[in-house]
Structures are given as C-alpha cells and as structure tokens.
Protein backbone atom coordinates (compact mmCIF):
# COMPACT_ATOMS: atom_id res chain seq x y z
CA UNK A 1 25.15 -9.41 -20.89
CA UNK A 2 22.24 -6.95 -21.15
CA UNK A 3 18.72 -7.75 -20.00
CA UNK A 4 16.47 -8.49 -22.98
CA UNK A 5 12.78 -8.16 -23.75
CA UNK A 6 10.55 -10.91 -25.13
CA UNK A 7 11.04 -9.49 -28.64
CA UNK A 8 14.82 -9.58 -28.27
CA UNK A 9 14.84 -13.18 -27.04
CA UNK A 10 12.37 -14.28 -29.72
CA UNK A 11 14.49 -12.77 -32.48
CA UNK A 12 17.44 -14.90 -31.38
CA UNK A 13 15.71 -18.14 -30.35
CA UNK A 14 12.45 -18.46 -32.28
CA UNK A 15 13.72 -21.52 -34.27
CA UNK A 16 13.92 -23.55 -31.04
CA UNK A 17 10.34 -23.28 -29.81
CA UNK A 18 7.76 -26.05 -30.06
CA UNK A 19 5.72 -26.19 -33.22
CA UNK A 20 2.19 -24.83 -32.79
CA UNK A 21 2.77 -22.69 -29.69
CA UNK A 22 3.59 -19.02 -29.32
CA UNK A 23 7.02 -17.95 -28.14
CA UNK A 24 5.58 -16.19 -25.07
CA UNK A 25 3.79 -19.41 -24.09
CA UNK A 26 7.06 -21.31 -24.31
CA UNK A 27 8.89 -18.76 -22.17
CA UNK A 28 6.08 -18.81 -19.60
CA UNK A 29 6.55 -22.58 -19.44
CA UNK A 30 10.32 -22.75 -18.95
CA UNK A 31 11.09 -19.59 -16.94
CA UNK A 32 9.40 -20.75 -13.69
CA UNK A 33 11.77 -23.74 -13.69
CA UNK A 34 14.78 -21.45 -14.11
CA UNK A 35 13.58 -19.30 -11.20
CA UNK A 36 13.26 -22.38 -8.99
CA UNK A 37 16.76 -23.63 -9.86
CA UNK A 38 18.65 -20.96 -7.91
CA UNK A 39 19.56 -17.32 -7.27
CA UNK A 40 20.66 -16.33 -10.74
CA UNK A 41 21.76 -12.92 -11.96
CA UNK A 42 18.96 -10.30 -11.92
CA UNK A 43 16.75 -12.47 -9.69
CA UNK A 44 17.49 -10.48 -6.52
CA UNK A 45 16.82 -6.81 -5.90
CA UNK A 46 16.48 -4.30 -3.06
CA UNK A 47 13.45 -2.24 -2.08
CA UNK A 48 12.15 -0.14 0.81
CA UNK A 49 8.69 -0.48 2.38
CA UNK A 50 7.20 1.71 5.12
CA UNK A 51 4.27 0.68 7.31
CA UNK A 52 2.43 1.80 10.43
CA UNK A 53 0.69 -1.59 10.72
CA UNK A 54 1.90 -4.80 12.35
CA UNK A 55 2.43 -6.34 8.91
CA UNK A 56 3.61 -5.43 5.43
CA UNK A 57 3.08 -6.90 1.98
CA UNK A 58 5.77 -7.65 -0.58
CA UNK A 59 5.47 -6.24 -4.10
CA UNK A 60 3.80 -8.52 -6.61
CA UNK A 61 7.12 -9.21 -8.38
CA UNK A 62 8.78 -10.45 -5.15
CA UNK A 63 8.70 -14.05 -3.97
CA UNK A 64 10.48 -13.98 -0.60
CA UNK A 65 12.71 -11.98 1.76
CA UNK A 66 16.41 -12.85 1.77
CA UNK A 67 17.60 -10.21 4.25
CA UNK A 68 15.87 -7.40 6.13
CA UNK A 69 16.61 -4.22 8.05
CA UNK A 70 13.92 -2.63 10.23
CA UNK A 71 14.75 1.01 10.94
CA UNK A 72 18.37 0.21 9.95
CA UNK A 73 18.63 -2.69 12.46
CA UNK A 74 19.15 -6.23 11.11
CA UNK A 75 16.08 -8.46 11.48
CA UNK A 76 15.79 -12.21 11.05
CA UNK A 77 13.25 -13.56 8.57
CA UNK A 78 11.31 -16.37 10.24
CA UNK A 79 9.21 -19.18 8.79
CA UNK A 80 5.43 -19.21 8.84
CA UNK A 81 3.86 -19.43 12.33
CA UNK A 82 7.30 -19.30 13.98
CA UNK A 83 5.99 -17.32 16.97
CA UNK A 84 2.86 -19.49 17.31
CA UNK A 85 4.98 -22.54 18.04
CA UNK A 86 7.22 -20.85 20.63
CA UNK A 87 5.36 -18.16 22.54
CA UNK A 88 1.97 -17.83 20.89
CA UNK A 89 0.69 -14.57 19.49
CA UNK A 90 -0.70 -11.67 21.53
CA UNK A 91 -3.35 -9.31 20.19
CA UNK A 92 -1.12 -6.25 20.56
CA UNK A 93 1.73 -7.83 18.56
CA UNK A 94 4.30 -7.51 21.33
CA UNK A 95 5.46 -11.11 20.96
CA UNK A 96 6.73 -10.32 17.46
CA UNK A 97 9.39 -7.88 18.64
CA UNK A 98 11.74 -10.76 19.52
CA UNK A 99 11.46 -12.52 16.17
CA UNK A 100 12.16 -9.89 13.49
CA UNK A 101 9.74 -10.55 10.63
CA UNK A 102 7.54 -13.65 10.48
CA UNK A 103 6.09 -15.12 7.29
CA UNK A 104 2.31 -14.71 7.33
CA UNK A 105 1.51 -16.58 4.12
CA UNK A 106 -0.59 -14.98 1.40
CA UNK A 107 -3.24 -12.28 1.56
CA UNK A 108 -5.90 -11.52 -1.10
CA UNK A 109 -5.05 -7.80 -1.03
CA UNK A 110 -2.05 -5.52 -0.59
CA UNK A 111 -3.74 -3.77 2.36
CA UNK A 112 -6.58 -4.94 4.58
CA UNK A 113 -9.72 -2.84 4.96
CA UNK A 114 -9.87 -1.20 8.36
CA UNK A 115 -12.46 -2.50 10.81
CA UNK A 116 -15.71 -0.55 11.28
CA UNK A 117 -15.26 1.29 7.98
CA UNK A 118 -17.06 0.86 4.67
CA UNK A 119 -15.33 1.24 1.31
CA UNK A 120 -16.22 1.68 -2.36
CA UNK A 121 -14.02 0.07 -4.99
CA UNK A 122 -12.15 2.31 -7.43
CA UNK A 123 -10.29 0.99 -10.48
CA UNK A 124 -7.82 3.40 -12.08
CA UNK A 125 -5.13 3.35 -14.79
CA UNK A 126 -1.50 3.44 -13.69
CA UNK A 127 0.61 6.38 -14.86
CA UNK A 128 1.67 7.17 -17.52
CA UNK A 129 -1.51 5.54 -18.90
CA UNK A 130 -4.65 7.67 -18.67
CA UNK A 131 -7.34 5.17 -19.69
CA UNK A 132 -8.31 1.66 -18.65
CA UNK A 133 -7.88 -1.01 -21.36
CA UNK A 134 -11.37 -2.18 -22.31
CA UNK A 135 -10.72 -5.60 -23.75
CA UNK A 136 -13.39 -7.68 -22.04
CA UNK A 137 -16.80 -7.26 -20.42
CA UNK A 138 -15.70 -9.82 -17.79
CA UNK A 139 -13.19 -7.49 -16.14
CA UNK A 140 -12.60 -7.85 -12.39
CA UNK A 141 -14.71 -9.75 -9.82
CA UNK A 142 -14.40 -8.87 -6.13
CA UNK A 143 -15.75 -11.06 -3.32
CA UNK A 144 -16.18 -9.77 0.22
CA UNK A 145 -18.61 -8.66 2.90
CA UNK A 146 -20.92 -5.66 2.81
CA UNK A 147 -22.43 -3.64 5.64
CA UNK A 148 -24.87 -6.42 6.47
CA UNK A 149 -21.98 -8.90 6.82
CA UNK A 150 -23.38 -10.89 3.92
CA UNK A 151 -21.07 -12.41 1.30
CA UNK A 152 -21.31 -10.47 -1.95
CA UNK A 153 -19.67 -10.80 -5.37
CA UNK A 154 -19.51 -7.86 -7.75
CA UNK A 155 -18.06 -7.84 -11.27
CA UNK A 156 -16.74 -4.53 -12.56
CA UNK A 157 -17.26 -4.14 -16.30
CA UNK A 158 -15.49 -1.38 -18.25
CA UNK A 159 -18.42 -0.68 -20.54
CA UNK A 160 -21.25 -0.97 -18.02
CA UNK A 161 -20.20 0.65 -14.74
CA UNK A 162 -20.65 4.38 -14.33
CA UNK A 163 -17.47 6.45 -14.07
CA UNK A 164 -16.89 8.57 -10.96
CA UNK A 165 -17.30 11.79 -12.93
CA UNK A 166 -18.20 12.64 -16.48
CA UNK A 167 -15.21 11.98 -18.70
CA UNK A 168 -13.26 10.20 -15.94
CA UNK A 169 -11.26 7.11 -16.97
CA UNK A 170 -11.95 5.41 -13.61
CA UNK A 171 -14.42 2.64 -12.80
CA UNK A 172 -16.43 2.46 -9.60
CA UNK A 173 -19.83 1.49 -8.19
CA UNK A 174 -22.02 2.33 -5.22
CA UNK A 175 -21.58 -1.12 -3.65
CA UNK A 176 -19.84 -0.95 -0.27
CA UNK A 177 -17.40 -3.48 1.20
CA UNK A 178 -16.25 -3.95 4.80
CA UNK A 179 -13.76 -6.72 3.95
CA UNK A 180 -12.30 -8.33 0.82
CA UNK A 181 -11.76 -12.08 0.52
CA UNK A 182 -10.92 -12.40 -3.20
CA UNK A 183 -10.03 -10.32 -6.25
CA UNK A 184 -10.37 -12.38 -9.42
CA UNK A 185 -9.13 -11.12 -12.79
CA UNK A 186 -11.21 -11.35 -15.94
CA UNK A 187 -10.93 -13.72 -18.89
CA UNK A 188 -8.46 -11.72 -20.96
CA UNK A 189 -5.12 -10.08 -20.20
CA UNK A 190 -4.91 -6.30 -20.28
CA UNK A 191 -2.47 -4.44 -22.47
CA UNK A 192 -1.45 -2.35 -19.44
CA UNK A 193 -2.01 -2.97 -15.70
CA UNK A 194 -4.69 -1.19 -13.66
CA UNK A 195 -4.84 -0.47 -9.92
CA UNK A 196 -7.69 -1.56 -7.64
CA UNK A 197 -8.23 0.72 -4.65
CA UNK A 198 -10.66 1.01 -1.75
CA UNK A 199 -12.08 4.47 -0.99
CA UNK A 200 -13.45 5.21 2.50
CA UNK A 201 -17.13 6.11 2.16
CA UNK A 202 -16.94 8.63 5.03
CA UNK A 203 -13.66 10.20 3.91
CA UNK A 204 -13.00 9.98 0.18
CA UNK A 205 -9.44 11.26 0.61
CA UNK A 206 -8.57 8.02 2.44
CA UNK A 207 -7.67 5.27 -0.02
CA UNK A 208 -6.05 1.84 0.28
CA UNK A 209 -4.27 -0.03 -2.53
CA UNK A 210 -5.77 -3.49 -2.95
CA UNK A 211 -4.27 -5.04 -6.10
CA UNK A 212 -2.61 -4.49 -9.45
CA UNK A 213 -4.42 -6.35 -12.22
CA UNK A 214 -3.24 -7.35 -15.68
CA UNK A 215 -2.95 -11.13 -16.15
CA UNK A 216 -6.07 -13.06 -17.19
CA UNK A 217 -7.81 -15.74 -15.11
CA UNK A 218 -5.79 -15.05 -11.97
CA UNK A 219 -6.84 -14.92 -8.32
CA UNK A 220 -4.60 -12.28 -6.74
CA UNK A 221 -2.43 -13.16 -3.73
CA UNK A 222 0.29 -11.13 -2.02
CA UNK A 223 3.06 -12.38 0.28
CA UNK A 224 2.69 -10.87 3.75
CA UNK A 225 5.04 -10.68 6.73
CA UNK A 226 4.24 -9.75 10.34
CA UNK A 227 6.48 -7.65 12.56
CA UNK A 228 6.48 -6.12 16.01
CA UNK A 229 4.93 -2.65 16.01
CA UNK A 230 2.81 -0.42 18.23
CA UNK A 231 -0.82 -1.61 18.24
CA UNK A 232 -2.05 1.97 17.84
CA UNK A 233 -0.86 1.92 14.20
CA UNK A 234 0.75 5.32 14.60
CA UNK A 235 4.43 4.33 14.67
CA UNK A 236 5.98 4.24 11.19
CA UNK A 237 8.62 1.61 10.56
CA UNK A 238 10.78 1.38 7.47
CA UNK A 239 11.92 -1.99 6.12
CA UNK A 240 14.89 -2.19 3.77
CA UNK A 241 14.60 -5.58 2.09
CA UNK A 242 16.69 -7.79 -0.15
CA UNK A 243 14.16 -9.80 -2.15
CA UNK A 244 14.11 -12.68 -4.59
CA UNK A 245 12.02 -12.04 -7.67
CA UNK A 246 8.98 -14.17 -8.35
CA UNK A 247 8.17 -15.19 -11.89
CA UNK A 248 5.57 -12.90 -13.39
CA UNK A 249 3.99 -14.34 -16.56
CA UNK A 250 4.99 -12.51 -19.72
CA UNK A 251 2.16 -10.86 -21.62
CA UNK A 252 3.58 -8.34 -24.10
CA UNK A 253 6.55 -8.40 -26.48
CA UNK A 254 8.20 -5.56 -24.54
CA UNK A 255 8.12 -7.39 -21.17
CA UNK A 256 11.56 -7.95 -19.63
CA UNK A 257 12.93 -11.52 -19.59
CA UNK A 258 14.97 -12.49 -16.52
CA UNK A 259 17.39 -14.22 -16.69
CA UNK A 260 18.35 -13.20 -20.24
CA UNK A 261 21.11 -15.77 -20.81
CA UNK A 262 20.32 -16.78 -24.40
CA UNK A 263 22.29 -20.03 -24.28
CA UNK A 264 20.54 -21.14 -21.08
CA UNK A 265 17.14 -20.20 -22.52
CA UNK A 266 17.98 -22.11 -25.70
CA UNK A 267 18.65 -25.31 -23.75
CA UNK A 268 15.51 -24.71 -21.70
CA UNK A 269 13.46 -24.51 -24.89
CA UNK A 270 15.13 -27.64 -26.29
CA UNK A 271 14.54 -29.47 -23.00
CA UNK A 272 10.85 -28.54 -23.12
CA UNK A 273 10.58 -29.78 -26.72
CA UNK A 274 12.29 -33.06 -25.75
CA UNK A 275 9.81 -33.53 -22.87
CA UNK A 276 6.92 -32.99 -25.27
CA UNK A 277 8.39 -35.76 -27.43
CA UNK A 278 8.81 -38.06 -24.40
CA UNK A 279 12.59 -38.02 -24.83
CA UNK A 280 13.48 -37.82 -21.15
CA UNK A 281 17.17 -38.54 -21.59
CA UNK A 282 17.64 -35.66 -24.01
CA UNK A 283 15.44 -33.41 -21.86
CA UNK A 284 17.55 -34.16 -18.78
CA UNK A 285 20.71 -33.33 -20.70
CA UNK A 286 19.38 -29.96 -21.87
CA UNK A 287 18.17 -28.94 -18.40
CA UNK A 288 21.52 -29.91 -16.87
CA UNK A 289 23.38 -27.78 -19.42
CA UNK A 290 20.90 -24.96 -18.77
CA UNK A 291 21.69 -25.03 -15.04
CA UNK A 292 25.45 -25.22 -15.73
CA UNK A 293 25.32 -22.16 -18.00
CA UNK A 294 23.43 -20.16 -15.37
CA UNK A 295 25.93 -21.18 -12.69
CA UNK A 296 28.84 -20.14 -14.90
CA UNK A 297 27.19 -16.79 -15.64
CA UNK A 298 26.57 -16.21 -11.93
CA UNK A 299 30.18 -17.12 -11.10
CA UNK A 300 31.50 -14.67 -13.69
CA UNK A 301 29.06 -11.98 -12.54
CA UNK A 302 30.16 -12.16 -8.90
CA UNK A 303 33.82 -11.66 -9.75
CA UNK A 304 35.97 -11.58 -6.62
CA UNK A 305 32.93 -11.42 -4.28
CA UNK A 306 32.88 -15.16 -3.61
CA UNK A 307 32.79 -16.98 -0.29
CA UNK A 308 36.18 -18.47 0.56
CA UNK A 309 36.59 -21.41 2.93
CA UNK A 310 40.00 -21.45 4.61
CA UNK A 311 41.44 -24.25 6.74
CA UNK A 312 44.22 -23.73 9.28
CA UNK A 313 45.91 -27.10 9.93
CA UNK A 314 47.43 -25.73 13.13
CA UNK A 315 44.07 -24.80 14.63
CA UNK A 316 42.81 -21.36 15.61
CA UNK A 317 46.03 -19.37 15.62
CA UNK A 318 48.09 -21.95 17.54
CA UNK A 319 49.72 -25.29 17.09
CA UNK A 320 47.85 -28.49 17.76
CA UNK A 321 49.45 -30.11 20.80
CA UNK A 322 50.69 -33.68 20.48
CA UNK A 323 48.52 -35.67 22.90
CA UNK A 324 50.05 -39.04 22.06
C-alpha cells in the first residue's frame, strides 16, 4: 500500500469525518492515538547524526531511539538520568562512556549557544523556498539572556524587522543573546517551514541551528541524548540511529499521512465520531478494529522476518535425564 497525502486520504474518507470540523483537524485528532498504539509500518526510520559535543538532538520528526551505533559500535539506549542514579555525572562526561547514550529529556533548541559568546538571531527560508511566508505580524518570540544576563523576550515580525541586506529574504535584529530558554511560534501556521539560527557576533561565519518553525502556537522542544565524548569538543562521533517517528501535526493538503492504511483510518474516524456522541461501546469497537487492521498490515509487511519461538522438549541439545 502506498503512502498517501492528506488530499489522498480525504478523497477516500471524507464522508466519515465529524460534521462541522475540517478533515485535517480530524486526522490531527486520531493519528496521535495510532502512533501510541504500536510500531506500525512507516513509523520507524534510520538516520545518521554527527556531533563533536557530549550530546546530540533528534530530528523534530523523531520521538525516540530504538537502536544506536556510535562509530559503528552498538550502544545501549538508557533511560533518563540513568547515570545519575548509578555513578553520578562528571563534568568532563567520562562517566557516560560506560552507558552508551542516555536520555536527557527535552531541550528548547537543536543546539545550545556556546558559553562566553554572544549571538544574533537569523530567520531564513528553507530550500527550495526563497522567501519567508508573511502570514502574521506575531511571528516568532524568543526568550533568553542577553549580555547583561537579564531575561529578555523579543518577537520577530516579518513586516517590521530589518532584513540583513537590501533585498534579502532573511529576518534578523541587533539584539544579542547568550542563551536561549524558549522559542515560541506565532499565532498562525506557515505555509512552509523556516529555520531559526544563531549567528556569532564576533564571527558571522559561525552559525548554530536552533529550531525549525511552521506550526502555530507551539513552544519548540527537541529530544536530546547524552553520550561519552572528549570534553574538548574536538572529537567527532557519528551516530547511526533507528528511530520511531513522532506525530507531527498536519498543516497542508500535501502533507504525508503515516500510517496510510485507509481501513484503519476509517475506523479511527468512526471511533472519534462515536466518542463525540458519547457512544463508548461503539467507539471501543471501532478502535479495536483499527488496531487489528494495523497489526494485520504490519504482519503482512514483515513477511518471513518474524521472531520465532522454538521449544526443544529434550532440553538444550540433549535428553532430559529421568531423576525419578
């Protein structure tokens, strides 16, 4: 079964949505439940991340790490604060070498600003787009500390801030940050995503990616993991990761819908309608069928690659002695 877009799913299932709501709103309501039900087809993928730091951040579309290789060596994924409870945490990160990668919770930015450096904020379109969508004067608000270590909030407005150069599509300001504590999106979704970066005031060629912004009324957060690495931040490590996708709210009709099992989505929509009508028995039935359809699709998709449990009644390669 091919992967479908919102338009493709809507064409097939629009009769089953709730009256008075948009189809995208309905999908954004039921899909998080499907993601939480299990590891369905198209909900896992592989990526590679390189870092010279003692931590790395997952892409926005990833929820968690399933398996990891660090420089081609298998590494265990540990729960949050795993090393704290056993050996504590040293400033140079040496205690992490024994644990693989350790969940570090969520961070407000993809990369942290380096200590003792000041940065300007730069907002740019993401290729192939060349301009920033200007749909709202309440665009992006960034909270952090400036050079005087005072909390500061600045809102970047597409129509009011001065571009970096004449005719440039970018947005910036002269305000400097030494740390970022929050990046809050504006009150309307953008047609295309934009990238938020930090530019070193002393060396404009040095930039750090902070966030990718598109969805309205969202406070950005990125899943971060810690790992053992040289404290000098000069040793580059490469992580090859098997990840589970996180649900990313659908905004446009051309956004990809995962999973795209039409029959499962149909029962999800019907279950949501039944819940709205306080018909819990019917809702439970539809959600159970939805799960069953996804399990059957996953079973067919895996083919012969299924775990097999084998029992040897005679023990491990030998007969069981009679002890009576």
